[in-house]
Amino acid sequence: MGWNMFELAASQARELGASRLYIFATPTENTVNFYLHLGCAVTAHIDEAVFQLEPKDIHLESQISVP
């Protein structure tokens, strides 16, 4: 189910011309491992506005290929 939702988000992002997804995840091992398993990585470019809203979350990104 989670994988399907991720793929739907990536598909819609591609349609909008995005090259990556920015994800802020609940800081639990299962949640972070889920995103890592999908190929996401901890981002080096944290969005400060999002960080201020959820400072304990883990911020990740996923590169998506644009057709």
PDB file of N, CA and C in Angstrom:
ATOM      1  N   MET A   1       0.826  -1.192   0.000  1.00  0.00           N
ATOM      2  CA  MET A   1       0.000   0.000   0.000  1.00  0.00           C
ATOM      3  C   MET A   1       0.872   1.260   0.000  1.00  0.00           C
ATOM      4  N   GLY A   2       1.848   1.328   0.896  1.00  0.00           N
ATOM      5  CA  GLY A   2       2.720   2.498   0.956  1.00  0.00           C
ATOM      6  C   GLY A   2       3.506   2.690  -0.327  1.00  0.00           C
ATOM      7  N   TRP A   3       3.983   1.578  -0.902  1.00  0.00           N
ATOM      8  CA  TRP A   3       4.740   1.658  -2.145  1.00  0.00           C
ATOM      9  C   TRP A   3       3.858   2.230  -3.244  1.00  0.00           C
ATOM     10  N   ASN A   4       2.597   1.800  -3.304  1.00  0.00           N
ATOM     11  CA  ASN A   4       1.673   2.312  -4.325  1.00  0.00           C
ATOM     12  C   ASN A   4       1.456   3.811  -4.173  1.00  0.00           C
ATOM     13  N   MET A   5       1.313   4.269  -2.949  1.00  0.00           N
ATOM     14  CA  MET A   5       1.112   5.704  -2.707  1.00  0.00           C
ATOM     15  C   MET A   5       2.345   6.491  -3.121  1.00  0.00           C
ATOM     16  N   PHE A   6       3.527   5.953  -2.821  1.00  0.00           N
ATOM     17  CA  PHE A   6       4.776   6.603  -3.199  1.00  0.00           C
ATOM     18  C   PHE A   6       4.868   6.702  -4.721  1.00  0.00           C
ATOM     19  N   GLU A   7       4.566   5.627  -5.415  1.00  0.00           N
ATOM     20  CA  GLU A   7       4.619   5.627  -6.880  1.00  0.00           C
ATOM     21  C   GLU A   7       3.614   6.604  -7.483  1.00  0.00           C
ATOM     22  N   LEU A   8       2.435   6.708  -6.879  1.00  0.00           N
ATOM     23  CA  LEU A   8       1.438   7.669  -7.354  1.00  0.00           C
ATOM     24  C   LEU A   8       1.956   9.099  -7.192  1.00  0.00           C
ATOM     25  N   ALA A   9       2.554   9.393  -6.043  1.00  0.00           N
ATOM     26  CA  ALA A   9       3.113  10.725  -5.810  1.00  0.00           C
ATOM     27  C   ALA A   9       4.229  11.015  -6.814  1.00  0.00           C
ATOM     28  N   ALA A  10       5.095  10.032  -7.048  1.00  0.00           N
ATOM     29  CA  ALA A  10       6.190  10.215  -8.006  1.00  0.00           C
ATOM     30  C   ALA A  10       5.650  10.434  -9.411  1.00  0.00           C
ATOM     31  N   SER A  11       4.629   9.693  -9.779  1.00  0.00           N
ATOM     32  CA  SER A  11       4.028   9.833 -11.101  1.00  0.00           C
ATOM     33  C   SER A  11       3.432  11.228 -11.287  1.00  0.00           C
ATOM     34  N   GLN A  12       2.724  11.702 -10.296  1.00  0.00           N
ATOM     35  CA  GLN A  12       2.135  13.037 -10.401  1.00  0.00           C
ATOM     36  C   GLN A  12       3.214  14.112 -10.406  1.00  0.00           C
ATOM     37  N   ALA A  13       4.264  13.904  -9.634  1.00  0.00           N
ATOM     38  CA  ALA A  13       5.370  14.869  -9.634  1.00  0.00           C
ATOM     39  C   ALA A  13       6.035  14.921 -11.007  1.00  0.00           C
ATOM     40  N   ARG A  14       6.217  13.753 -11.631  1.00  0.00           N
ATOM     41  CA  ARG A  14       6.792  13.711 -12.986  1.00  0.00           C
ATOM     42  C   ARG A  14       5.935  14.510 -13.961  1.00  0.00           C
ATOM     43  N   GLU A  15       4.616  14.327 -13.872  1.00  0.00           N
ATOM     44  CA  GLU A  15       3.705  15.043 -14.766  1.00  0.00           C
ATOM     45  C   GLU A  15       3.827  16.561 -14.599  1.00  0.00           C
ATOM     46  N   LEU A  16       4.187  16.995 -13.404  1.00  0.00           N
ATOM     47  CA  LEU A  16       4.360  18.431 -13.135  1.00  0.00           C
ATOM     48  C   LEU A  16       5.771  18.911 -13.458  1.00  0.00           C
ATOM     49  N   GLY A  17       6.635  17.985 -13.890  1.00  0.00           N
ATOM     50  CA  GLY A  17       7.990  18.344 -14.278  1.00  0.00           C
ATOM     51  C   GLY A  17       9.001  18.335 -13.144  1.00  0.00           C
ATOM     52  N   ALA A  18       8.641  17.757 -12.001  1.00  0.00           N
ATOM     53  CA  ALA A  18       9.573  17.699 -10.871  1.00  0.00           C
ATOM     54  C   ALA A  18      10.669  16.676 -11.133  1.00  0.00           C
ATOM     55  N   SER A  19      11.832  16.914 -10.562  1.00  0.00           N
ATOM     56  CA  SER A  19      12.936  15.968 -10.709  1.00  0.00           C
ATOM     57  C   SER A  19      13.244  15.228  -9.405  1.00  0.00           C
ATOM     58  N   ARG A  20      12.566  15.638  -8.324  1.00  0.00           N
ATOM     59  CA  ARG A  20      12.773  14.940  -7.058  1.00  0.00           C
ATOM     60  C   ARG A  20      11.566  15.133  -6.148  1.00  0.00           C
ATOM     61  N   LEU A  21      11.446  14.223  -5.198  1.00  0.00           N
ATOM     62  CA  LEU A  21      10.446  14.340  -4.143  1.00  0.00           C
ATOM     63  C   LEU A  21      11.168  14.702  -2.859  1.00  0.00           C
ATOM     64  N   TYR A  22      10.608  15.612  -2.102  1.00  0.00           N
ATOM     65  CA  TYR A  22      11.141  15.981  -0.790  1.00  0.00           C
ATOM     66  C   TYR A  22      10.211  15.363   0.238  1.00  0.00           C
ATOM     67  N   ILE A  23      10.773  14.569   1.124  1.00  0.00           N
ATOM     68  CA  ILE A  23       9.983  13.798   2.087  1.00  0.00           C
ATOM     69  C   ILE A  23      10.441  14.146   3.488  1.00  0.00           C
ATOM     70  N   PHE A  24       9.500  14.418   4.366  1.00  0.00           N
ATOM     71  CA  PHE A  24       9.853  14.529   5.776  1.00  0.00           C
ATOM     72  C   PHE A  24       9.058  13.466   6.500  1.00  0.00           C
ATOM     73  N   ALA A  25       9.789  12.572   7.152  1.00  0.00           N
ATOM     74  CA  ALA A  25       9.218  11.348   7.695  1.00  0.00           C
ATOM     75  C   ALA A  25       9.293  11.313   9.215  1.00  0.00           C
ATOM     76  N   THR A  26       8.287  10.681   9.799  1.00  0.00           N
ATOM     77  CA  THR A  26       8.287  10.426  11.232  1.00  0.00           C
ATOM     78  C   THR A  26       9.585   9.706  11.590  1.00  0.00           C
ATOM     79  N   PRO A  27      10.252  10.140  12.645  1.00  0.00           N
ATOM     80  CA  PRO A  27      11.561   9.570  12.963  1.00  0.00           C
ATOM     81  C   PRO A  27      11.486   8.206  13.655  1.00  0.00           C
ATOM     82  N   THR A  28      10.867   7.247  12.974  1.00  0.00           N
ATOM     83  CA  THR A  28      10.854   5.882  13.482  1.00  0.00           C
ATOM     84  C   THR A  28      11.664   5.003  12.542  1.00  0.00           C
ATOM     85  N   GLU A  29      12.235   3.962  13.070  1.00  0.00           N
ATOM     86  CA  GLU A  29      13.086   3.091  12.268  1.00  0.00           C
ATOM     87  C   GLU A  29      12.323   2.503  11.080  1.00  0.00           C
ATOM     88  N   ASN A  30      11.100   2.027  11.316  1.00  0.00           N
ATOM     89  CA  ASN A  30      10.328   1.423  10.221  1.00  0.00           C
ATOM     90  C   ASN A  30      10.028   2.419   9.119  1.00  0.00           C
ATOM     91  N   THR A  31       9.655   3.624   9.481  1.00  0.00           N
ATOM     92  CA  THR A  31       9.317   4.633   8.476  1.00  0.00           C
ATOM     93  C   THR A  31      10.539   5.013   7.657  1.00  0.00           C
ATOM     94  N   VAL A  32      11.626   5.317   8.327  1.00  0.00           N
ATOM     95  CA  VAL A  32      12.850   5.712   7.616  1.00  0.00           C
ATOM     96  C   VAL A  32      13.349   4.567   6.757  1.00  0.00           C
ATOM     97  N   ASN A  33      13.342   3.346   7.273  1.00  0.00           N
ATOM     98  CA  ASN A  33      13.788   2.193   6.485  1.00  0.00           C
ATOM     99  C   ASN A  33      12.919   1.970   5.260  1.00  0.00           C
ATOM    100  N   PHE A  34      11.620   2.238   5.379  1.00  0.00           N
ATOM    101  CA  PHE A  34      10.717   2.120   4.232  1.00  0.00           C
ATOM    102  C   PHE A  34      11.189   3.027   3.101  1.00  0.00           C
ATOM    103  N   TYR A  35      11.441   4.290   3.417  1.00  0.00           N
ATOM    104  CA  TYR A  35      11.877   5.234   2.383  1.00  0.00           C
ATOM    105  C   TYR A  35      13.266   4.899   1.853  1.00  0.00           C
ATOM    106  N   LEU A  36      14.161   4.483   2.722  1.00  0.00           N
ATOM    107  CA  LEU A  36      15.496   4.090   2.267  1.00  0.00           C
ATOM    108  C   LEU A  36      15.405   2.896   1.319  1.00  0.00           C
ATOM    109  N   HIS A  37      14.526   1.948   1.637  1.00  0.00           N
ATOM    110  CA  HIS A  37      14.336   0.773   0.792  1.00  0.00           C
ATOM    111  C   HIS A  37      13.823   1.160  -0.597  1.00  0.00           C
ATOM    112  N   LEU A  38      13.075   2.247  -0.673  1.00  0.00           N
ATOM    113  CA  LEU A  38      12.565   2.729  -1.966  1.00  0.00           C
ATOM    114  C   LEU A  38      13.619   3.505  -2.754  1.00  0.00           C
ATOM    115  N   GLY A  39      14.794   3.683  -2.169  1.00  0.00           N
ATOM    116  CA  GLY A  39      15.859   4.395  -2.868  1.00  0.00           C
ATOM    117  C   GLY A  39      16.010   5.849  -2.470  1.00  0.00           C
ATOM    118  N   CYS A  40      15.261   6.282  -1.470  1.00  0.00           N
ATOM    119  CA  CYS A  40      15.395   7.658  -0.982  1.00  0.00           C
ATOM    120  C   CYS A  40      16.683   7.771  -0.171  1.00  0.00           C
ATOM    121  N   ALA A  41      17.142   8.987   0.007  1.00  0.00           N
ATOM    122  CA  ALA A  41      18.352   9.246   0.791  1.00  0.00           C
ATOM    123  C   ALA A  41      18.110  10.471   1.667  1.00  0.00           C
ATOM    124  N   VAL A  42      18.801  10.512   2.779  1.00  0.00           N
ATOM    125  CA  VAL A  42      18.726  11.694   3.640  1.00  0.00           C
ATOM    126  C   VAL A  42      19.227  12.873   2.825  1.00  0.00           C
ATOM    127  N   THR A  43      18.468  13.958   2.828  1.00  0.00           N
ATOM    128  CA  THR A  43      18.809  15.101   1.983  1.00  0.00           C
ATOM    129  C   THR A  43      19.923  15.952   2.590  1.00  0.00           C
ATOM    130  N   ALA A  44      20.706  16.513   1.715  1.00  0.00           N
ATOM    131  CA  ALA A  44      21.742  17.452   2.138  1.00  0.00           C
ATOM    132  C   ALA A  44      21.216  18.883   2.077  1.00  0.00           C
ATOM    133  N   HIS A  45      20.011  19.054   1.534  1.00  0.00           N
ATOM    134  CA  HIS A  45      19.434  20.384   1.325  1.00  0.00           C
ATOM    135  C   HIS A  45      18.098  20.492   2.057  1.00  0.00           C
ATOM    136  N   ILE A  46      18.156  20.680   3.351  1.00  0.00           N
ATOM    137  CA  ILE A  46      16.948  20.728   4.166  1.00  0.00           C
ATOM    138  C   ILE A  46      16.156  21.997   3.886  1.00  0.00           C
ATOM    139  N   ASP A  47      14.865  21.839   3.714  1.00  0.00           N
ATOM    140  CA  ASP A  47      13.946  22.964   3.542  1.00  0.00           C
ATOM    141  C   ASP A  47      13.705  23.564   4.926  1.00  0.00           C
ATOM    142  N   GLU A  48      14.219  24.744   5.171  1.00  0.00           N
ATOM    143  CA  GLU A  48      14.150  25.369   6.502  1.00  0.00           C
ATOM    144  C   GLU A  48      12.727  25.580   6.985  1.00  0.00           C
ATOM    145  N   ALA A  49      11.829  25.962   6.095  1.00  0.00           N
ATOM    146  CA  ALA A  49      10.437  26.198   6.498  1.00  0.00           C
ATOM    147  C   ALA A  49       9.793  24.913   6.994  1.00  0.00           C
ATOM    148  N   VAL A  50      10.033  23.813   6.296  1.00  0.00           N
ATOM    149  CA  VAL A  50       9.486  22.522   6.710  1.00  0.00           C
ATOM    150  C   VAL A  50      10.168  22.061   7.994  1.00  0.00           C
ATOM    151  N   PHE A  51      11.476  22.253   8.077  1.00  0.00           N
ATOM    152  CA  PHE A  51      12.214  21.856   9.271  1.00  0.00           C
ATOM    153  C   PHE A  51      11.674  22.567  10.513  1.00  0.00           C
ATOM    154  N   GLN A  52      11.337  23.834  10.379  1.00  0.00           N
ATOM    155  CA  GLN A  52      10.803  24.584  11.516  1.00  0.00           C
ATOM    156  C   GLN A  52       9.458  24.013  11.970  1.00  0.00           C
ATOM    157  N   LEU A  53       8.666  23.498  11.049  1.00  0.00           N
ATOM    158  CA  LEU A  53       7.378  22.902  11.393  1.00  0.00           C
ATOM    159  C   LEU A  53       7.526  21.533  12.058  1.00  0.00           C
ATOM    160  N   GLU A  54       8.481  20.749  11.584  1.00  0.00           N
ATOM    161  CA  GLU A  54       8.685  19.376  12.058  1.00  0.00           C
ATOM    162  C   GLU A  54      10.173  19.108  12.305  1.00  0.00           C
ATOM    163  N   PRO A  55      10.754  19.713  13.341  1.00  0.00           N
ATOM    164  CA  PRO A  55      12.202  19.598  13.549  1.00  0.00           C
ATOM    165  C   PRO A  55      12.694  18.197  13.910  1.00  0.00           C
ATOM    166  N   LYS A  56      11.818  17.331  14.368  1.00  0.00           N
ATOM    167  CA  LYS A  56      12.254  15.976  14.735  1.00  0.00           C
ATOM    168  C   LYS A  56      12.162  14.998  13.572  1.00  0.00           C
ATOM    169  N   ASP A  57      11.480  15.389  12.510  1.00  0.00           N
ATOM    170  CA  ASP A  57      11.336  14.497  11.361  1.00  0.00           C
ATOM    171  C   ASP A  57      12.665  14.293  10.650  1.00  0.00           C
ATOM    172  N   ILE A  58      12.735  13.192   9.910  1.00  0.00           N
ATOM    173  CA  ILE A  58      13.897  12.895   9.082  1.00  0.00           C
ATOM    174  C   ILE A  58      13.570  13.393   7.677  1.00  0.00           C
ATOM    175  N   HIS A  59      14.439  14.211   7.115  1.00  0.00           N
ATOM    176  CA  HIS A  59      14.203  14.817   5.810  1.00  0.00           C
ATOM    177  C   HIS A  59      14.993  14.033   4.752  1.00  0.00           C
ATOM    178  N   LEU A  60      14.245  13.538   3.773  1.00  0.00           N
ATOM    179  CA  LEU A  60      14.828  12.709   2.728  1.00  0.00           C
ATOM    180  C   LEU A  60      14.440  13.263   1.365  1.00  0.00           C
ATOM    181  N   GLU A  61      15.060  12.717   0.331  1.00  0.00           N
ATOM    182  CA  GLU A  61      14.650  13.060  -1.021  1.00  0.00           C
ATOM    183  C   GLU A  61      14.796  11.847  -1.908  1.00  0.00           C
ATOM    184  N   SER A  62      14.037  11.873  -2.964  1.00  0.00           N
ATOM    185  CA  SER A  62      14.095  10.809  -3.956  1.00  0.00           C
ATOM    186  C   SER A  62      14.206  11.454  -5.328  1.00  0.00           C
ATOM    187  N   GLN A  63      15.205  11.061  -6.077  1.00  0.00           N
ATOM    188  CA  GLN A  63      15.325  11.534  -7.448  1.00  0.00           C
ATOM    189  C   GLN A  63      14.315  10.777  -8.283  1.00  0.00           C
ATOM    190  N   ILE A  64      13.600  11.478  -9.129  1.00  0.00           N
ATOM    191  CA  ILE A  64      12.646  10.816 -10.015  1.00  0.00           C
ATOM    192  C   ILE A  64      13.007  11.171 -11.444  1.00  0.00           C
ATOM    193  N   SER A  65      12.919  10.191 -12.299  1.00  0.00           N
ATOM    194  CA  SER A  65      13.257  10.457 -13.693  1.00  0.00           C
ATOM    195  C   SER A  65      12.057  11.057 -14.405  1.00  0.00           C
ATOM    196  N   VAL A  66      12.329  12.080 -15.150  1.00  0.00           N
ATOM    197  CA  VAL A  66      11.282  12.746 -15.914  1.00  0.00           C
ATOM    198  C   VAL A  66      11.368  12.242 -17.337  1.00  0.00           C
ATOM    199  N   PRO A  67      10.259  11.668 -17.850  1.00  0.00           N
ATOM    200  CA  PRO A  67      10.307  11.132 -19.224  1.00  0.00           C
ATOM    201  C   PRO A  67      10.514  12.197 -20.262  1.00  0.00           C
TER     202      PRO A  67
END
